[in-house]
ModelCIF file with pLDDT and N, C-alpha, C, O atoms, coordinates in Angstrom:
data_MODEL
#
_entry.id   MODEL 
#
_entity.id                         1 
_entity.type                       polymer 
_entity.pdbx_number_of_molecules   1 
#
_entity_poly.entity_id                      1 
_entity_poly.type                           'polypeptide(L)' 
_entity_poly.nstd_linkage                   no 
_entity_poly.nstd_monomer                   no 
_entity_poly.pdbx_seq_one_letter_code       TVYLDMNILHPDDTAFYYCAAVSALRLSFRANFYNHWGQGTQVTV 
_entity_poly.pdbx_seq_one_letter_code_can   TVYLDMNILHPDDTAFYYCAAVSALRLSFRANFYNHWGQGTQVTV 
_entity_poly.pdbx_strand_id                 A 
#
loop_
_entity_poly_seq.entity_id 
_entity_poly_seq.num 
_entity_poly_seq.mon_id 
_entity_poly_seq.hetero 
1 1  THR n 
1 2  VAL n 
1 3  TYR n 
1 4  LEU n 
1 5  ASP n 
1 6  MET n 
1 7  ASN n 
1 8  ILE n 
1 9  LEU n 
1 10 HIS n 
1 11 PRO n 
1 12 ASP n 
1 13 ASP n 
1 14 THR n 
1 15 ALA n 
1 16 PHE n 
1 17 TYR n 
1 18 TYR n 
1 19 CYS n 
1 20 ALA n 
1 21 ALA n 
1 22 VAL n 
1 23 SER n 
1 24 ALA n 
1 25 LEU n 
1 26 ARG n 
1 27 LEU n 
1 28 SER n 
1 29 PHE n 
1 30 ARG n 
1 31 ALA n 
1 32 ASN n 
1 33 PHE n 
1 34 TYR n 
1 35 ASN n 
1 36 HIS n 
1 37 TRP n 
1 38 GLY n 
1 39 GLN n 
1 40 GLY n 
1 41 THR n 
1 42 GLN n 
1 43 VAL n 
1 44 THR n 
1 45 VAL n 
#
_struct_asym.id          A 
_struct_asym.entity_id   1 
#
loop_
_ma_qa_metric.id 
_ma_qa_metric.mode 
_ma_qa_metric.name 
_ma_qa_metric.software_group_id 
_ma_qa_metric.type 
1 global pLDDT . pLDDT 
2 local  pLDDT . pLDDT 
#
_ma_qa_metric_global.metric_id      1 
_ma_qa_metric_global.metric_value   95.89 
_ma_qa_metric_global.model_id       1 
_ma_qa_metric_global.ordinal_id     1 
#
loop_
_ma_qa_metric_local.label_asym_id 
_ma_qa_metric_local.label_comp_id 
_ma_qa_metric_local.label_seq_id 
_ma_qa_metric_local.metric_id 
_ma_qa_metric_local.metric_value 
_ma_qa_metric_local.model_id 
_ma_qa_metric_local.ordinal_id 
A THR 1  2 94.00 1 1  
A VAL 2  2 94.00 1 2  
A TYR 3  2 96.00 1 3  
A LEU 4  2 98.00 1 4  
A ASP 5  2 98.00 1 5  
A MET 6  2 98.00 1 6  
A ASN 7  2 98.00 1 7  
A ILE 8  2 98.00 1 8  
A LEU 9  2 98.00 1 9  
A HIS 10 2 97.00 1 10 
A PRO 11 2 97.00 1 11 
A ASP 12 2 96.00 1 12 
A ASP 13 2 98.00 1 13 
A THR 14 2 98.00 1 14 
A ALA 15 2 98.00 1 15 
A PHE 16 2 98.00 1 16 
A TYR 17 2 98.00 1 17 
A TYR 18 2 98.00 1 18 
A CYS 19 2 97.00 1 19 
A ALA 20 2 97.00 1 20 
A ALA 21 2 95.00 1 21 
A VAL 22 2 94.00 1 22 
A SER 23 2 92.00 1 23 
A ALA 24 2 88.00 1 24 
A LEU 25 2 86.00 1 25 
A ARG 26 2 88.00 1 26 
A LEU 27 2 91.00 1 27 
A SER 28 2 94.00 1 28 
A PHE 29 2 95.00 1 29 
A ARG 30 2 96.00 1 30 
A ALA 31 2 96.00 1 31 
A ASN 32 2 96.00 1 32 
A PHE 33 2 96.00 1 33 
A TYR 34 2 96.00 1 34 
A ASN 35 2 95.00 1 35 
A HIS 36 2 96.00 1 36 
A TRP 37 2 97.00 1 37 
A GLY 38 2 97.00 1 38 
A GLN 39 2 97.00 1 39 
A GLY 40 2 97.00 1 40 
A THR 41 2 97.00 1 41 
A GLN 42 2 98.00 1 42 
A VAL 43 2 98.00 1 43 
A THR 44 2 98.00 1 44 
A VAL 45 2 98.00 1 45 
#
loop_
_atom_site.group_PDB 
_atom_site.id 
_atom_site.type_symbol 
_atom_site.label_atom_id 
_atom_site.label_alt_id 
_atom_site.label_comp_id 
_atom_site.label_asym_id 
_atom_site.label_entity_id 
_atom_site.label_seq_id 
_atom_site.pdbx_PDB_ins_code 
_atom_site.Cartn_x 
_atom_site.Cartn_y 
_atom_site.Cartn_z 
_atom_site.occupancy 
_atom_site.B_iso_or_equiv 
_atom_site.pdbx_formal_charge 
_atom_site.auth_seq_id 
_atom_site.auth_comp_id 
_atom_site.auth_asym_id 
_atom_site.auth_atom_id 
_atom_site.pdbx_PDB_model_num 
ATOM 1   N N  . THR A 1 1  ? 192.170 181.103 -113.373 1.00 94.00 ? 1  THR A N  1 
ATOM 2   C CA . THR A 1 1  ? 193.378 181.679 -112.793 1.00 94.00 ? 1  THR A CA 1 
ATOM 3   C C  . THR A 1 1  ? 194.493 180.644 -112.735 1.00 94.00 ? 1  THR A C  1 
ATOM 4   O O  . THR A 1 1  ? 194.268 179.481 -112.400 1.00 94.00 ? 1  THR A O  1 
ATOM 5   N N  . VAL A 1 2  ? 195.688 181.090 -113.065 1.00 94.00 ? 2  VAL A N  1 
ATOM 6   C CA . VAL A 1 2  ? 196.897 180.294 -112.906 1.00 94.00 ? 2  VAL A CA 1 
ATOM 7   C C  . VAL A 1 2  ? 197.650 180.800 -111.685 1.00 94.00 ? 2  VAL A C  1 
ATOM 8   O O  . VAL A 1 2  ? 197.766 182.008 -111.478 1.00 94.00 ? 2  VAL A O  1 
ATOM 9   N N  . TYR A 1 3  ? 198.155 179.887 -110.885 1.00 96.00 ? 3  TYR A N  1 
ATOM 10  C CA . TYR A 1 3  ? 198.900 180.233 -109.689 1.00 96.00 ? 3  TYR A CA 1 
ATOM 11  C C  . TYR A 1 3  ? 200.354 179.807 -109.819 1.00 96.00 ? 3  TYR A C  1 
ATOM 12  O O  . TYR A 1 3  ? 200.670 178.779 -110.417 1.00 96.00 ? 3  TYR A O  1 
ATOM 13  N N  . LEU A 1 4  ? 201.216 180.612 -109.254 1.00 98.00 ? 4  LEU A N  1 
ATOM 14  C CA . LEU A 1 4  ? 202.621 180.282 -109.116 1.00 98.00 ? 4  LEU A CA 1 
ATOM 15  C C  . LEU A 1 4  ? 202.930 180.210 -107.628 1.00 98.00 ? 4  LEU A C  1 
ATOM 16  O O  . LEU A 1 4  ? 202.937 181.230 -106.939 1.00 98.00 ? 4  LEU A O  1 
ATOM 17  N N  . ASP A 1 5  ? 203.185 179.008 -107.138 1.00 98.00 ? 5  ASP A N  1 
ATOM 18  C CA . ASP A 1 5  ? 203.541 178.802 -105.741 1.00 98.00 ? 5  ASP A CA 1 
ATOM 19  C C  . ASP A 1 5  ? 205.055 178.700 -105.634 1.00 98.00 ? 5  ASP A C  1 
ATOM 20  O O  . ASP A 1 5  ? 205.667 177.810 -106.225 1.00 98.00 ? 5  ASP A O  1 
ATOM 21  N N  . MET A 1 6  ? 205.651 179.604 -104.886 1.00 98.00 ? 6  MET A N  1 
ATOM 22  C CA . MET A 1 6  ? 207.092 179.685 -104.742 1.00 98.00 ? 6  MET A CA 1 
ATOM 23  C C  . MET A 1 6  ? 207.470 179.306 -103.316 1.00 98.00 ? 6  MET A C  1 
ATOM 24  O O  . MET A 1 6  ? 206.938 179.864 -102.356 1.00 98.00 ? 6  MET A O  1 
ATOM 25  N N  . ASN A 1 7  ? 208.385 178.360 -103.184 1.00 98.00 ? 7  ASN A N  1 
ATOM 26  C CA . ASN A 1 7  ? 208.823 177.866 -101.888 1.00 98.00 ? 7  ASN A CA 1 
ATOM 27  C C  . ASN A 1 7  ? 210.336 177.922 -101.782 1.00 98.00 ? 7  ASN A C  1 
ATOM 28  O O  . ASN A 1 7  ? 211.042 177.971 -102.790 1.00 98.00 ? 7  ASN A O  1 
ATOM 29  N N  . ILE A 1 8  ? 210.822 177.913 -100.556 1.00 98.00 ? 8  ILE A N  1 
ATOM 30  C CA . ILE A 1 8  ? 212.250 177.944 -100.265 1.00 98.00 ? 8  ILE A CA 1 
ATOM 31  C C  . ILE A 1 8  ? 212.901 179.071 -101.067 1.00 98.00 ? 8  ILE A C  1 
ATOM 32  O O  . ILE A 1 8  ? 213.863 178.852 -101.803 1.00 98.00 ? 8  ILE A O  1 
ATOM 33  N N  . LEU A 1 9  ? 212.372 180.248 -100.915 1.00 98.00 ? 9  LEU A N  1 
ATOM 34  C CA . LEU A 1 9  ? 212.821 181.387 -101.696 1.00 98.00 ? 9  LEU A CA 1 
ATOM 35  C C  . LEU A 1 9  ? 214.217 181.838 -101.284 1.00 98.00 ? 9  LEU A C  1 
ATOM 36  O O  . LEU A 1 9  ? 214.579 181.810 -100.108 1.00 98.00 ? 9  LEU A O  1 
ATOM 37  N N  . HIS A 1 10 ? 214.984 182.251 -102.274 1.00 97.00 ? 10 HIS A N  1 
ATOM 38  C CA . HIS A 1 10 ? 216.345 182.754 -102.086 1.00 97.00 ? 10 HIS A CA 1 
ATOM 39  C C  . HIS A 1 10 ? 216.393 184.244 -102.386 1.00 97.00 ? 10 HIS A C  1 
ATOM 40  O O  . HIS A 1 10 ? 215.539 184.749 -103.114 1.00 97.00 ? 10 HIS A O  1 
ATOM 41  N N  . PRO A 1 11 ? 217.371 184.959 -101.840 1.00 97.00 ? 11 PRO A N  1 
ATOM 42  C CA . PRO A 1 11 ? 217.517 186.371 -102.205 1.00 97.00 ? 11 PRO A CA 1 
ATOM 43  C C  . PRO A 1 11 ? 217.669 186.590 -103.708 1.00 97.00 ? 11 PRO A C  1 
ATOM 44  O O  . PRO A 1 11 ? 217.209 187.606 -104.230 1.00 97.00 ? 11 PRO A O  1 
ATOM 45  N N  . ASP A 1 12 ? 218.305 185.656 -104.411 1.00 96.00 ? 12 ASP A N  1 
ATOM 46  C CA . ASP A 1 12 ? 218.458 185.828 -105.854 1.00 96.00 ? 12 ASP A CA 1 
ATOM 47  C C  . ASP A 1 12 ? 217.182 185.523 -106.630 1.00 96.00 ? 12 ASP A C  1 
ATOM 48  O O  . ASP A 1 12 ? 217.182 185.614 -107.858 1.00 96.00 ? 12 ASP A O  1 
ATOM 49  N N  . ASP A 1 13 ? 216.101 185.165 -105.952 1.00 98.00 ? 13 ASP A N  1 
ATOM 50  C CA . ASP A 1 13 ? 214.788 185.093 -106.584 1.00 98.00 ? 13 ASP A CA 1 
ATOM 51  C C  . ASP A 1 13 ? 214.132 186.469 -106.671 1.00 98.00 ? 13 ASP A C  1 
ATOM 52  O O  . ASP A 1 13 ? 213.089 186.618 -107.307 1.00 98.00 ? 13 ASP A O  1 
ATOM 53  N N  . THR A 1 14 ? 214.732 187.468 -106.043 1.00 98.00 ? 14 THR A N  1 
ATOM 54  C CA . THR A 1 14 ? 214.184 188.818 -106.078 1.00 98.00 ? 14 THR A CA 1 
ATOM 55  C C  . THR A 1 14 ? 214.135 189.329 -107.509 1.00 98.00 ? 14 THR A C  1 
ATOM 56  O O  . THR A 1 14 ? 215.151 189.344 -108.203 1.00 98.00 ? 14 THR A O  1 
ATOM 57  N N  . ALA A 1 15 ? 212.956 189.748 -107.949 1.00 98.00 ? 15 ALA A N  1 
ATOM 58  C CA . ALA A 1 15 ? 212.768 190.204 -109.319 1.00 98.00 ? 15 ALA A CA 1 
ATOM 59  C C  . ALA A 1 15 ? 211.344 190.706 -109.487 1.00 98.00 ? 15 ALA A C  1 
ATOM 60  O O  . ALA A 1 15 ? 210.505 190.553 -108.600 1.00 98.00 ? 15 ALA A O  1 
ATOM 61  N N  . PHE A 1 16 ? 211.091 191.304 -110.635 1.00 98.00 ? 16 PHE A N  1 
ATOM 62  C CA . PHE A 1 16 ? 209.740 191.633 -111.043 1.00 98.00 ? 16 PHE A CA 1 
ATOM 63  C C  . PHE A 1 16 ? 209.208 190.443 -111.832 1.00 98.00 ? 16 PHE A C  1 
ATOM 64  O O  . PHE A 1 16 ? 209.828 190.019 -112.807 1.00 98.00 ? 16 PHE A O  1 
ATOM 65  N N  . TYR A 1 17 ? 208.075 189.908 -111.423 1.00 98.00 ? 17 TYR A N  1 
ATOM 66  C CA . TYR A 1 17 ? 207.547 188.676 -111.993 1.00 98.00 ? 17 TYR A CA 1 
ATOM 67  C C  . TYR A 1 17 ? 206.367 188.957 -112.919 1.00 98.00 ? 17 TYR A C  1 
ATOM 68  O O  . TYR A 1 17 ? 205.487 189.756 -112.599 1.00 98.00 ? 17 TYR A O  1 
ATOM 69  N N  . TYR A 1 18 ? 206.362 188.287 -114.072 1.00 98.00 ? 18 TYR A N  1 
ATOM 70  C CA . TYR A 1 18 ? 205.317 188.455 -115.073 1.00 98.00 ? 18 TYR A CA 1 
ATOM 71  C C  . TYR A 1 18 ? 204.727 187.110 -115.460 1.00 98.00 ? 18 TYR A C  1 
ATOM 72  O O  . TYR A 1 18 ? 205.443 186.112 -115.535 1.00 98.00 ? 18 TYR A O  1 
ATOM 73  N N  . CYS A 1 19 ? 203.427 187.082 -115.706 1.00 97.00 ? 19 CYS A N  1 
ATOM 74  C CA . CYS A 1 19 ? 202.841 185.972 -116.430 1.00 97.00 ? 19 CYS A CA 1 
ATOM 75  C C  . CYS A 1 19 ? 202.578 186.416 -117.861 1.00 97.00 ? 19 CYS A C  1 
ATOM 76  O O  . CYS A 1 19 ? 202.367 187.599 -118.128 1.00 97.00 ? 19 CYS A O  1 
ATOM 77  N N  . ALA A 1 20 ? 202.592 185.468 -118.764 1.00 97.00 ? 20 ALA A N  1 
ATOM 78  C CA . ALA A 1 20 ? 202.386 185.745 -120.176 1.00 97.00 ? 20 ALA A CA 1 
ATOM 79  C C  . ALA A 1 20 ? 201.581 184.610 -120.791 1.00 97.00 ? 20 ALA A C  1 
ATOM 80  O O  . ALA A 1 20 ? 201.547 183.502 -120.256 1.00 97.00 ? 20 ALA A O  1 
ATOM 81  N N  . ALA A 1 21 ? 200.932 184.891 -121.920 1.00 95.00 ? 21 ALA A N  1 
ATOM 82  C CA . ALA A 1 21 ? 200.072 183.901 -122.553 1.00 95.00 ? 21 ALA A CA 1 
ATOM 83  C C  . ALA A 1 21 ? 200.150 183.999 -124.063 1.00 95.00 ? 21 ALA A C  1 
ATOM 84  O O  . ALA A 1 21 ? 200.455 185.052 -124.622 1.00 95.00 ? 21 ALA A O  1 
ATOM 85  N N  . VAL A 1 22 ? 199.869 182.878 -124.711 1.00 94.00 ? 22 VAL A N  1 
ATOM 86  C CA . VAL A 1 22 ? 199.816 182.821 -126.162 1.00 94.00 ? 22 VAL A CA 1 
ATOM 87  C C  . VAL A 1 22 ? 198.913 181.660 -126.567 1.00 94.00 ? 22 VAL A C  1 
ATOM 88  O O  . VAL A 1 22 ? 198.846 180.642 -125.878 1.00 94.00 ? 22 VAL A O  1 
ATOM 89  N N  . SER A 1 23 ? 198.217 181.826 -127.699 1.00 92.00 ? 23 SER A N  1 
ATOM 90  C CA . SER A 1 23 ? 197.374 180.755 -128.226 1.00 92.00 ? 23 SER A CA 1 
ATOM 91  C C  . SER A 1 23 ? 198.225 179.857 -129.116 1.00 92.00 ? 23 SER A C  1 
ATOM 92  O O  . SER A 1 23 ? 198.199 179.958 -130.343 1.00 92.00 ? 23 SER A O  1 
ATOM 93  N N  . ALA A 1 24 ? 198.962 178.996 -128.480 1.00 88.00 ? 24 ALA A N  1 
ATOM 94  C CA . ALA A 1 24 ? 199.846 178.080 -129.180 1.00 88.00 ? 24 ALA A CA 1 
ATOM 95  C C  . ALA A 1 24 ? 199.942 176.793 -128.382 1.00 88.00 ? 24 ALA A C  1 
ATOM 96  O O  . ALA A 1 24 ? 199.729 176.783 -127.170 1.00 88.00 ? 24 ALA A O  1 
ATOM 97  N N  . LEU A 1 25 ? 200.261 175.719 -129.065 1.00 86.00 ? 25 LEU A N  1 
ATOM 98  C CA . LEU A 1 25 ? 200.361 174.421 -128.419 1.00 86.00 ? 25 LEU A CA 1 
ATOM 99  C C  . LEU A 1 25 ? 201.751 174.149 -127.858 1.00 86.00 ? 25 LEU A C  1 
ATOM 100 O O  . LEU A 1 25 ? 201.882 173.453 -126.852 1.00 86.00 ? 25 LEU A O  1 
ATOM 101 N N  . ARG A 1 26 ? 202.779 174.679 -128.484 1.00 88.00 ? 26 ARG A N  1 
ATOM 102 C CA . ARG A 1 26 ? 204.134 174.434 -128.018 1.00 88.00 ? 26 ARG A CA 1 
ATOM 103 C C  . ARG A 1 26 ? 204.445 175.241 -126.771 1.00 88.00 ? 26 ARG A C  1 
ATOM 104 O O  . ARG A 1 26 ? 203.741 176.195 -126.443 1.00 88.00 ? 26 ARG A O  1 
ATOM 105 N N  . LEU A 1 27 ? 205.502 174.851 -126.081 1.00 91.00 ? 27 LEU A N  1 
ATOM 106 C CA . LEU A 1 27 ? 205.984 175.543 -124.898 1.00 91.00 ? 27 LEU A CA 1 
ATOM 107 C C  . LEU A 1 27 ? 207.284 176.266 -125.223 1.00 91.00 ? 27 LEU A C  1 
ATOM 108 O O  . LEU A 1 27 ? 208.084 175.796 -126.032 1.00 91.00 ? 27 LEU A O  1 
ATOM 109 N N  . SER A 1 28 ? 207.484 177.413 -124.585 1.00 94.00 ? 28 SER A N  1 
ATOM 110 C CA . SER A 1 28 ? 208.691 178.187 -124.826 1.00 94.00 ? 28 SER A CA 1 
ATOM 111 C C  . SER A 1 28 ? 209.007 179.066 -123.633 1.00 94.00 ? 28 SER A C  1 
ATOM 112 O O  . SER A 1 28 ? 208.107 179.578 -122.967 1.00 94.00 ? 28 SER A O  1 
ATOM 113 N N  . PHE A 1 29 ? 210.312 179.241 -123.365 1.00 95.00 ? 29 PHE A N  1 
ATOM 114 C CA . PHE A 1 29 ? 210.782 180.174 -122.356 1.00 95.00 ? 29 PHE A CA 1 
ATOM 115 C C  . PHE A 1 29 ? 211.215 181.506 -122.959 1.00 95.00 ? 29 PHE A C  1 
ATOM 116 O O  . PHE A 1 29 ? 211.731 182.359 -122.237 1.00 95.00 ? 29 PHE A O  1 
ATOM 117 N N  . ARG A 1 30 ? 211.022 181.706 -124.246 1.00 96.00 ? 30 ARG A N  1 
ATOM 118 C CA . ARG A 1 30 ? 211.427 182.940 -124.909 1.00 96.00 ? 30 ARG A CA 1 
ATOM 119 C C  . ARG A 1 30 ? 210.309 183.964 -124.843 1.00 96.00 ? 30 ARG A C  1 
ATOM 120 O O  . ARG A 1 30 ? 209.165 183.671 -125.190 1.00 96.00 ? 30 ARG A O  1 
ATOM 121 N N  . ALA A 1 31 ? 210.644 185.169 -124.397 1.00 96.00 ? 31 ALA A N  1 
ATOM 122 C CA . ALA A 1 31 ? 209.642 186.204 -124.170 1.00 96.00 ? 31 ALA A CA 1 
ATOM 123 C C  . ALA A 1 31 ? 208.907 186.589 -125.447 1.00 96.00 ? 31 ALA A C  1 
ATOM 124 O O  . ALA A 1 31 ? 207.706 186.858 -125.410 1.00 96.00 ? 31 ALA A O  1 
ATOM 125 N N  . ASN A 1 32 ? 209.615 186.619 -126.581 1.00 96.00 ? 32 ASN A N  1 
ATOM 126 C CA . ASN A 1 32 ? 208.980 187.069 -127.813 1.00 96.00 ? 32 ASN A CA 1 
ATOM 127 C C  . ASN A 1 32 ? 208.006 186.055 -128.387 1.00 96.00 ? 32 ASN A C  1 
ATOM 128 O O  . ASN A 1 32 ? 207.357 186.332 -129.396 1.00 96.00 ? 32 ASN A O  1 
ATOM 129 N N  . PHE A 1 33 ? 207.893 184.902 -127.775 1.00 96.00 ? 33 PHE A N  1 
ATOM 130 C CA . PHE A 1 33 ? 206.915 183.906 -128.176 1.00 96.00 ? 33 PHE A CA 1 
ATOM 131 C C  . PHE A 1 33 ? 205.502 184.283 -127.718 1.00 96.00 ? 33 PHE A C  1 
ATOM 132 O O  . PHE A 1 33 ? 204.520 183.842 -128.315 1.00 96.00 ? 33 PHE A O  1 
ATOM 133 N N  . TYR A 1 34 ? 205.397 185.092 -126.667 1.00 96.00 ? 34 TYR A N  1 
ATOM 134 C CA . TYR A 1 34 ? 204.123 185.416 -126.050 1.00 96.00 ? 34 TYR A CA 1 
ATOM 135 C C  . TYR A 1 34 ? 203.629 186.781 -126.498 1.00 96.00 ? 34 TYR A C  1 
ATOM 136 O O  . TYR A 1 34 ? 204.424 187.697 -126.710 1.00 96.00 ? 34 TYR A O  1 
ATOM 137 N N  . ASN A 1 35 ? 202.314 186.916 -126.643 1.00 95.00 ? 35 ASN A N  1 
ATOM 138 C CA . ASN A 1 35 ? 201.739 188.179 -127.098 1.00 95.00 ? 35 ASN A CA 1 
ATOM 139 C C  . ASN A 1 35 ? 200.770 188.812 -126.102 1.00 95.00 ? 35 ASN A C  1 
ATOM 140 O O  . ASN A 1 35 ? 200.205 189.868 -126.385 1.00 95.00 ? 35 ASN A O  1 
ATOM 141 N N  . HIS A 1 36 ? 200.571 188.193 -124.950 1.00 96.00 ? 36 HIS A N  1 
ATOM 142 C CA . HIS A 1 36 ? 199.768 188.767 -123.882 1.00 96.00 ? 36 HIS A CA 1 
ATOM 143 C C  . HIS A 1 36 ? 200.583 188.731 -122.603 1.00 96.00 ? 36 HIS A C  1 
ATOM 144 O O  . HIS A 1 36 ? 201.205 187.719 -122.280 1.00 96.00 ? 36 HIS A O  1 
ATOM 145 N N  . TRP A 1 37 ? 200.576 189.851 -121.870 1.00 97.00 ? 37 TRP A N  1 
ATOM 146 C CA . TRP A 1 37 ? 201.405 189.971 -120.676 1.00 97.00 ? 37 TRP A CA 1 
ATOM 147 C C  . TRP A 1 37 ? 200.630 190.574 -119.518 1.00 97.00 ? 37 TRP A C  1 
ATOM 148 O O  . TRP A 1 37 ? 199.825 191.489 -119.695 1.00 97.00 ? 37 TRP A O  1 
ATOM 149 N N  . GLY A 1 38 ? 200.887 190.043 -118.331 1.00 97.00 ? 38 GLY A N  1 
ATOM 150 C CA . GLY A 1 38 ? 200.393 190.673 -117.128 1.00 97.00 ? 38 GLY A CA 1 
ATOM 151 C C  . GLY A 1 38 ? 201.174 191.930 -116.816 1.00 97.00 ? 38 GLY A C  1 
ATOM 152 O O  . GLY A 1 38 ? 202.203 192.202 -117.435 1.00 97.00 ? 38 GLY A O  1 
ATOM 153 N N  . GLN A 1 39 ? 200.681 192.701 -115.850 1.00 97.00 ? 39 GLN A N  1 
ATOM 154 C CA . GLN A 1 39 ? 201.330 193.969 -115.513 1.00 97.00 ? 39 GLN A CA 1 
ATOM 155 C C  . GLN A 1 39 ? 202.581 193.779 -114.674 1.00 97.00 ? 39 GLN A C  1 
ATOM 156 O O  . GLN A 1 39 ? 203.363 194.715 -114.506 1.00 97.00 ? 39 GLN A O  1 
ATOM 157 N N  . GLY A 1 40 ? 202.775 192.592 -114.151 1.00 97.00 ? 40 GLY A N  1 
ATOM 158 C CA . GLY A 1 40 ? 203.936 192.292 -113.336 1.00 97.00 ? 40 GLY A CA 1 
ATOM 159 C C  . GLY A 1 40 ? 203.717 192.623 -111.871 1.00 97.00 ? 40 GLY A C  1 
ATOM 160 O O  . GLY A 1 40 ? 202.863 193.439 -111.523 1.00 97.00 ? 40 GLY A O  1 
ATOM 161 N N  . THR A 1 41 ? 204.495 191.982 -111.023 1.00 97.00 ? 41 THR A N  1 
ATOM 162 C CA . THR A 1 41 ? 204.433 192.240 -109.593 1.00 97.00 ? 41 THR A CA 1 
ATOM 163 C C  . THR A 1 41 ? 205.805 191.996 -108.980 1.00 97.00 ? 41 THR A C  1 
ATOM 164 O O  . THR A 1 41 ? 206.516 191.075 -109.381 1.00 97.00 ? 41 THR A O  1 
ATOM 165 N N  . GLN A 1 42 ? 206.174 192.820 -108.011 1.00 98.00 ? 42 GLN A N  1 
ATOM 166 C CA . GLN A 1 42 ? 207.496 192.741 -107.402 1.00 98.00 ? 42 GLN A CA 1 
ATOM 167 C C  . GLN A 1 42 ? 207.536 191.670 -106.328 1.00 98.00 ? 42 GLN A C  1 
ATOM 168 O O  . GLN A 1 42 ? 206.656 191.602 -105.470 1.00 98.00 ? 42 GLN A O  1 
ATOM 169 N N  . VAL A 1 43 ? 208.564 190.833 -106.382 1.00 98.00 ? 43 VAL A N  1 
ATOM 170 C CA . VAL A 1 43 ? 208.846 189.859 -105.338 1.00 98.00 ? 43 VAL A CA 1 
ATOM 171 C C  . VAL A 1 43 ? 210.222 190.171 -104.776 1.00 98.00 ? 43 VAL A C  1 
ATOM 172 O O  . VAL A 1 43 ? 211.211 190.180 -105.510 1.00 98.00 ? 43 VAL A O  1 
ATOM 173 N N  . THR A 1 44 ? 210.287 190.426 -103.488 1.00 98.00 ? 44 THR A N  1 
ATOM 174 C CA . THR A 1 44 ? 211.545 190.748 -102.825 1.00 98.00 ? 44 THR A CA 1 
ATOM 175 C C  . THR A 1 44 ? 211.794 189.741 -101.723 1.00 98.00 ? 44 THR A C  1 
ATOM 176 O O  . THR A 1 44 ? 210.958 189.560 -100.838 1.00 98.00 ? 44 THR A O  1 
ATOM 177 N N  . VAL A 1 45 ? 212.947 189.082 -101.772 1.00 98.00 ? 45 VAL A N  1 
ATOM 178 C CA . VAL A 1 45 ? 213.332 188.087 -100.774 1.00 98.00 ? 45 VAL A CA 1 
ATOM 179 C C  . VAL A 1 45 ? 214.493 188.664 -99.985  1.00 98.00 ? 45 VAL A C  1 
ATOM 180 O O  . VAL A 1 45 ? 215.005 188.013 -99.074  1.00 98.00 ? 45 VAL A O  1 
#
């Protein structure tokens, strides 16, 4: 399991949050780089 610990949350952190995965060595913030996705979960601040 991977955990995301969020601290000092702001109202503008409110969003639907997703984890994603790919079998690759490089890192990327681009969504189309990943081919596996979690179902998402709502975070409201």
